[in-house]
C-alpha atoms as a PDB file:
ATOM      1  CA  MET A   1      63.283  92.819 -36.134  1.00  0.00           C
ATOM      2  CA  ASN A   2      66.063  92.103 -38.280  1.00  0.00           C
ATOM      3  CA  ARG A   3      69.211  94.316 -38.556  1.00  0.00           C
ATOM      4  CA  HIS A   4      68.124  95.689 -41.965  1.00  0.00           C
ATOM      5  CA  SER A   5      64.829  96.802 -40.582  1.00  0.00           C
ATOM      6  CA  MET A   6      66.482  98.374 -37.456  1.00  0.00           C
ATOM      7  CA  ILE A   7      68.854 100.394 -39.601  1.00  0.00           C
ATOM      8  CA  CYS A   8      65.842 101.563 -41.736  1.00  0.00           C
ATOM      9  CA  VAL A   9      63.838 102.656 -38.615  1.00  0.00           C
ATOM     10  CA  ALA A  10      67.061 104.516 -37.246  1.00  0.00           C
ATOM     11  CA  VAL A  11      67.474 106.152 -40.557  1.00  0.00           C
ATOM     12  CA  MET A  12      64.003 107.302 -40.721  1.00  0.00           C
ATOM     13  CA  GLY A  13      64.200 108.469 -37.295  1.00  0.00           C
ATOM     14  CA  MET A  14      67.110 110.543 -37.885  1.00  0.00           C
ATOM     15  CA  ALA A  15      65.278 112.001 -41.133  1.00  0.00           C
ATOM     16  CA  ILE A  16      62.362 112.779 -38.820  1.00  0.00           C
ATOM     17  CA  ALA A  17      64.844 114.689 -36.389  1.00  0.00           C
ATOM     18  CA  ILE A  18      66.316 116.462 -39.133  1.00  0.00           C
ATOM     19  CA  VAL A  19      62.870 117.681 -40.567  1.00  0.00           C
ATOM     20  CA  GLY A  20      62.136 118.866 -36.968  1.00  0.00           C
ATOM     21  CA  VAL A  21      65.251 120.708 -36.629  1.00  0.00           C
ATOM     22  CA  VAL A  22      64.904 122.441 -40.069  1.00  0.00           C
ATOM     23  CA  ASN A  23      61.260 123.266 -39.211  1.00  0.00           C
ATOM     24  CA  SER A  24      61.612 124.448 -35.719  1.00  0.00           C
ATOM     25  CA  ALA A  25      60.906 127.949 -34.720  1.00  0.00           C
ATOM     26  CA  SER A  26      63.280 130.672 -35.162  1.00  0.00           C
ATOM     27  CA  GLY A  27      61.829 133.396 -32.986  1.00  0.00           C
ATOM     28  CA  ASP A  28      59.778 134.789 -35.961  1.00  0.00           C
ATOM     29  CA  PRO A  29      56.045 133.412 -36.026  1.00  0.00           C
ATOM     30  CA  ALA A  30      55.961 133.936 -39.678  1.00  0.00           C
ATOM     31  CA  SER A  31      58.963 131.638 -40.346  1.00  0.00           C
ATOM     32  CA  ASN A  32      56.945 128.620 -39.792  1.00  0.00           C
ATOM     33  CA  ALA A  33      54.054 129.793 -41.878  1.00  0.00           C
ATOM     34  CA  SER A  34      52.713 127.287 -44.533  1.00  0.00           C
ATOM     35  CA  GLN A  35      50.318 127.890 -47.276  1.00  0.00           C
ATOM     36  CA  THR A  36      49.182 124.820 -49.217  1.00  0.00           C
ATOM     37  CA  LYS A  37      46.642 124.305 -51.995  1.00  0.00           C
ATOM     38  CA  GLY A  38      45.974 120.907 -53.143  1.00  0.00           C
ATOM     39  CA  ASP A  39      49.254 119.351 -54.167  1.00  0.00           C
ATOM     40  CA  ALA A  40      51.233 122.572 -54.526  1.00  0.00           C
ATOM     41  CA  PRO A  41      54.463 122.664 -52.459  1.00  0.00           C
ATOM     42  CA  GLU A  42      54.205 124.504 -48.977  1.00  0.00           C
ATOM     43  CA  PHE A  43      55.561 127.952 -48.763  1.00  0.00           C
ATOM     44  CA  ARG A  44      58.455 128.276 -46.489  1.00  0.00           C
ATOM     45  CA  PRO A  45      59.873 131.630 -45.859  1.00  0.00           C
ATOM     46  CA  ARG A  46      63.500 132.492 -45.902  1.00  0.00           C
ATOM     47  CA  LEU A  47      65.418 132.123 -42.790  1.00  0.00           C
ATOM     48  CA  ALA A  48      67.688 134.647 -41.010  1.00  0.00           C
ATOM     49  CA  VAL A  49      71.238 133.981 -41.884  1.00  0.00           C
ATOM     50  CA  ASP A  50      72.077 133.030 -38.285  1.00  0.00           C
ATOM     51  CA  VAL A  51      69.385 130.566 -38.069  1.00  0.00           C
ATOM     52  CA  ALA A  52      70.314 129.140 -41.317  1.00  0.00           C
ATOM     53  CA  LYS A  53      73.988 128.666 -40.138  1.00  0.00           C
ATOM     54  CA  ASP A  54      72.821 126.862 -37.053  1.00  0.00           C
ATOM     55  CA  ARG A  55      70.630 124.560 -38.915  1.00  0.00           C
ATOM     56  CA  ALA A  56      73.089 123.748 -41.575  1.00  0.00           C
ATOM     57  CA  LEU A  57      75.613 122.785 -38.866  1.00  0.00           C
ATOM     58  CA  VAL A  58      73.078 120.572 -36.969  1.00  0.00           C
ATOM     59  CA  MET A  59      71.988 119.080 -40.362  1.00  0.00           C
ATOM     60  CA  HIS A  60      75.568 118.373 -41.102  1.00  0.00           C
ATOM     61  CA  GLN A  61      76.235 116.547 -37.794  1.00  0.00           C
ATOM     62  CA  ILE A  62      73.122 114.363 -38.255  1.00  0.00           C
ATOM     63  CA  TYR A  63      73.711 113.510 -41.934  1.00  0.00           C
ATOM     64  CA  SER A  64      77.282 112.641 -41.128  1.00  0.00           C
ATOM     65  CA  ALA A  65      76.609 110.534 -38.031  1.00  0.00           C
ATOM     66  CA  THR A  66      74.048 108.770 -40.047  1.00  0.00           C
ATOM     67  CA  LEU A  67      76.532 107.933 -42.609  1.00  0.00           C
ATOM     68  CA  ASP A  68      79.044 106.491 -40.232  1.00  0.00           C
ATOM     69  CA  VAL A  69      76.203 104.336 -38.529  1.00  0.00           C
ATOM     70  CA  MET A  70      75.170 103.069 -41.853  1.00  0.00           C
ATOM     71  CA  HIS A  71      78.894 102.248 -42.770  1.00  0.00           C
ATOM     72  CA  ARG A  72      79.432 100.286 -39.525  1.00  0.00           C
ATOM     73  CA  HIS A  73      76.230  98.366 -39.293  1.00  0.00           C
ATOM     74  CA  TYR A  74      74.917  98.121 -42.807  1.00  0.00           C
ATOM     75  CA  PHE A  75      77.212  98.166 -45.619  1.00  0.00           C
ATOM     76  CA  HIS A  76      79.034  94.983 -46.349  1.00  0.00           C
ATOM     77  CA  ALA A  77      81.044  95.068 -49.623  1.00  0.00           C
ATOM     78  CA  ASN A  78      78.782  94.274 -52.719  1.00  0.00           C
ATOM     79  CA  LYS A  79      75.850  92.920 -50.598  1.00  0.00           C
ATOM     80  CA  SER A  80      74.100  96.180 -49.759  1.00  0.00           C
ATOM     81  CA  VAL A  81      73.268  99.684 -51.068  1.00  0.00           C
ATOM     82  CA  LEU A  82      76.123 102.150 -50.534  1.00  0.00           C
ATOM     83  CA  PRO A  83      75.447 104.370 -47.467  1.00  0.00           C
ATOM     84  CA  ALA A  84      76.079 107.581 -49.363  1.00  0.00           C
ATOM     85  CA  ARG A  85      73.666 106.686 -52.025  1.00  0.00           C
ATOM     86  CA  ALA A  86      71.060 105.491 -49.436  1.00  0.00           C
ATOM     87  CA  MET A  87      71.818 109.017 -47.601  1.00  0.00           C
ATOM     88  CA  GLU A  88      70.665 110.654 -50.949  1.00  0.00           C
ATOM     89  CA  ASP A  89      67.231 109.221 -50.490  1.00  0.00           C
ATOM     90  CA  VAL A  90      67.202 110.827 -47.019  1.00  0.00           C
ATOM     91  CA  PHE A  91      68.192 114.229 -48.612  1.00  0.00           C
ATOM     92  CA  ALA A  92      65.368 113.943 -51.013  1.00  0.00           C
ATOM     93  CA  ASP A  93      62.726 113.124 -48.346  1.00  0.00           C
ATOM     94  CA  VAL A  94      64.060 116.056 -46.194  1.00  0.00           C
ATOM     95  CA  ALA A  95      64.064 118.396 -49.172  1.00  0.00           C
ATOM     96  CA  LYS A  96      60.345 117.607 -49.851  1.00  0.00           C
ATOM     97  CA  GLU A  97      59.538 118.770 -46.427  1.00  0.00           C
ATOM     98  CA  THR A  98      61.891 121.614 -46.059  1.00  0.00           C
ATOM     99  CA  SER A  99      63.324 124.446 -48.011  1.00  0.00           C
ATOM    100  CA  SER A 100      66.767 122.684 -47.740  1.00  0.00           C
ATOM    101  CA  ASN A 101      68.966 120.835 -50.304  1.00  0.00           C
ATOM    102  CA  ALA A 102      71.992 118.575 -49.422  1.00  0.00           C
ATOM    103  CA  ARG A 103      74.156 116.833 -51.655  1.00  0.00           C
ATOM    104  CA  TRP A 104      77.710 115.183 -51.614  1.00  0.00           C
ATOM    105  CA  ILE A 105      80.701 116.287 -53.621  1.00  0.00           C
ATOM    106  CA  SER A 106      84.128 114.780 -54.260  1.00  0.00           C
ATOM    107  CA  VAL A 107      86.899 116.830 -52.565  1.00  0.00           C
ATOM    108  CA  ASN A 108      90.301 114.981 -53.370  1.00  0.00           C
ATOM    109  CA  THR A 109      89.274 111.556 -54.676  1.00  0.00           C
ATOM    110  CA  LYS A 110      87.730 110.404 -57.709  1.00  0.00           C
ATOM    111  CA  PRO A 111      83.891 110.886 -57.529  1.00  0.00           C
ATOM    112  CA  MET A 112      82.066 107.732 -57.224  1.00  0.00           C
ATOM    113  CA  SER A 113      79.364 109.089 -59.310  1.00  0.00           C
ATOM    114  CA  VAL A 114      79.196 111.895 -61.929  1.00  0.00           C
ATOM    115  CA  ASP A 115      76.455 113.512 -59.745  1.00  0.00           C
ATOM    116  CA  HIS A 116      79.365 114.091 -56.880  1.00  0.00           C
ATOM    117  CA  GLU A 117      81.493 116.178 -59.145  1.00  0.00           C
ATOM    118  CA  PRO A 118      81.582 119.752 -57.903  1.00  0.00           C
ATOM    119  CA  LYS A 119      79.472 121.715 -60.319  1.00  0.00           C
ATOM    120  CA  THR A 120      79.030 125.219 -59.104  1.00  0.00           C
ATOM    121  CA  ASP A 121      81.720 128.036 -58.354  1.00  0.00           C
ATOM    122  CA  PHE A 122      80.842 127.438 -54.732  1.00  0.00           C
ATOM    123  CA  GLU A 123      81.315 123.830 -54.750  1.00  0.00           C
ATOM    124  CA  ARG A 124      84.631 123.997 -56.580  1.00  0.00           C
ATOM    125  CA  LYS A 125      85.896 126.655 -54.080  1.00  0.00           C
ATOM    126  CA  ALA A 126      84.592 124.487 -51.190  1.00  0.00           C
ATOM    127  CA  ALA A 127      86.679 121.517 -52.570  1.00  0.00           C
ATOM    128  CA  ARG A 128      89.763 123.410 -52.724  1.00  0.00           C
ATOM    129  CA  GLU A 129      89.406 124.858 -49.242  1.00  0.00           C
ATOM    130  CA  ILE A 130      88.499 121.389 -47.592  1.00  0.00           C
ATOM    131  CA  ALA A 131      91.345 119.787 -49.462  1.00  0.00           C
ATOM    132  CA  ALA A 132      93.630 122.515 -48.068  1.00  0.00           C
ATOM    133  CA  GLY A 133      92.610 121.566 -44.686  1.00  0.00           C
ATOM    134  CA  LYS A 134      89.649 123.450 -43.711  1.00  0.00           C
ATOM    135  CA  SER A 135      86.704 121.723 -42.004  1.00  0.00           C
ATOM    136  CA  GLU A 136      84.143 123.888 -43.546  1.00  0.00           C
ATOM    137  CA  PHE A 137      83.427 126.548 -46.066  1.00  0.00           C
ATOM    138  CA  SER A 138      80.253 128.768 -46.395  1.00  0.00           C
ATOM    139  CA  SER A 139      78.812 131.805 -48.295  1.00  0.00           C
ATOM    140  CA  ILE A 140      75.797 133.695 -48.725  1.00  0.00           C
ATOM    141  CA  GLU A 141      74.769 134.552 -52.248  1.00  0.00           C
ATOM    142  CA  ASP A 142      71.776 134.742 -54.452  1.00  0.00           C
ATOM    143  CA  GLY A 143      69.517 134.367 -51.439  1.00  0.00           C
ATOM    144  CA  TYR A 144      70.969 130.951 -50.036  1.00  0.00           C
ATOM    145  CA  TYR A 145      73.193 130.173 -47.249  1.00  0.00           C
ATOM    146  CA  ARG A 146      75.524 127.304 -48.462  1.00  0.00           C
ATOM    147  CA  ARG A 147      77.782 125.342 -46.190  1.00  0.00           C
ATOM    148  CA  ALA A 148      80.196 122.635 -47.173  1.00  0.00           C
ATOM    149  CA  GLY A 149      81.353 120.403 -44.574  1.00  0.00           C
ATOM    150  CA  ALA A 150      84.307 118.041 -44.686  1.00  0.00           C
ATOM    151  CA  ILE A 151      83.515 114.272 -44.478  1.00  0.00           C
ATOM    152  CA  PRO A 152      86.717 112.419 -43.740  1.00  0.00           C
ATOM    153  CA  LEU A 153      87.323 109.212 -45.595  1.00  0.00           C
ATOM    154  CA  THR A 154      88.700 106.603 -43.251  1.00  0.00           C
ATOM    155  CA  ALA A 155      90.374 103.396 -43.965  1.00  0.00           C
ATOM    156  CA  GLY A 156      87.034 101.675 -44.553  1.00  0.00           C
ATOM    157  CA  CYS A 157      86.100 104.173 -47.255  1.00  0.00           C
ATOM    158  CA  ILE A 158      89.404 104.533 -49.023  1.00  0.00           C
ATOM    159  CA  GLY A 159      89.439 101.180 -50.736  1.00  0.00           C
ATOM    160  CA  CYS A 160      86.476 102.273 -52.828  1.00  0.00           C
ATOM    161  CA  HIS A 161      87.243 105.974 -52.915  1.00  0.00           C
ATOM    162  CA  SER A 162      90.921 105.879 -53.860  1.00  0.00           C
ATOM    163  CA  GLY A 163      92.125 102.366 -54.348  1.00  0.00           C
ATOM    164  CA  PHE A 164      92.886  99.632 -51.848  1.00  0.00           C
ATOM    165  CA  PHE A 165      96.613 100.523 -51.547  1.00  0.00           C
ATOM    166  CA  ASN A 166      96.351 104.082 -50.661  1.00  0.00           C
ATOM    167  CA  ASP A 167      96.873 105.057 -46.837  1.00  0.00           C
ATOM    168  CA  PRO A 168      94.702 107.801 -45.436  1.00  0.00           C
ATOM    169  CA  SER A 169      97.247 108.653 -42.935  1.00  0.00           C
ATOM    170  CA  LYS A 170      99.556 109.944 -45.679  1.00  0.00           C
ATOM    171  CA  THR A 171      97.326 111.994 -47.569  1.00  0.00           C
ATOM    172  CA  PRO A 172      93.910 112.774 -45.909  1.00  0.00           C
ATOM    173  CA  ARG A 173      90.937 112.156 -48.282  1.00  0.00           C
ATOM    174  CA  TYR A 174      87.714 113.868 -47.972  1.00  0.00           C
ATOM    175  CA  ALA A 175      84.296 114.229 -49.495  1.00  0.00           C
ATOM    176  CA  ALA A 176      82.052 117.254 -48.615  1.00  0.00           C
ATOM    177  CA  LEU A 177      78.401 117.372 -47.676  1.00  0.00           C
ATOM    178  CA  ILE A 178      76.857 120.643 -49.216  1.00  0.00           C
ATOM    179  CA  ILE A 179      73.714 121.934 -47.289  1.00  0.00           C
ATOM    180  CA  SER A 180      71.853 124.902 -48.767  1.00  0.00           C
ATOM    181  CA  LEU A 181      69.189 126.979 -47.100  1.00  0.00           C
ATOM    182  CA  PRO A 182      67.287 129.867 -48.573  1.00  0.00           C
ATOM    183  CA  VAL A 183      67.857 133.072 -46.296  1.00  0.00           C
ATOM    184  CA  ARG A 184      66.218 136.289 -46.041  1.00  0.00           C
ATOM    185  CA  ASP A 185      67.953 139.779 -46.615  1.00  0.00           C
ATOM    186  CA  GLU A 186      69.291 141.174 -43.336  1.00  0.00           C
ATOM    187  CA  PRO A 187      67.915 144.698 -42.476  1.00  0.00           C
END
């Protein structure tokens, strides 16, 4: 098996693990109920807020670790798909199987894609908080628990994200991973 195939298998394994974590039991038998009719999407009840917080943290850790692994072992200058772009495919696959949503935003560097520009009030607040030094920012609104977690841009990232002559030790640079999970109203 070549290196590319091994990386693809590892990423798929991590995606399967994420789906398992997101779909794991929350102590409420109804929380894992699904109803499908033909090609209709599965019905997934909303989570308790404490379960959503825990799952969002685990998902952040898995996605962040996957991104690091892909950067170290897969990405080589202009020869490969950018790791963050490949991760967006993982986000989409996990979203199909769960009620979660994940996306990147730029915090204090120029976005690598217009899709990474903070778009919502939550995302703009999260970018400000993470740029100010917080490791995460979260809120519960409109029936969703949203968590933004910092993704530090290291020396290997800075060349593309901020220019080759910027020293990340002088001004730490960040992106953020936004994870959204639907939650049920607390009694």
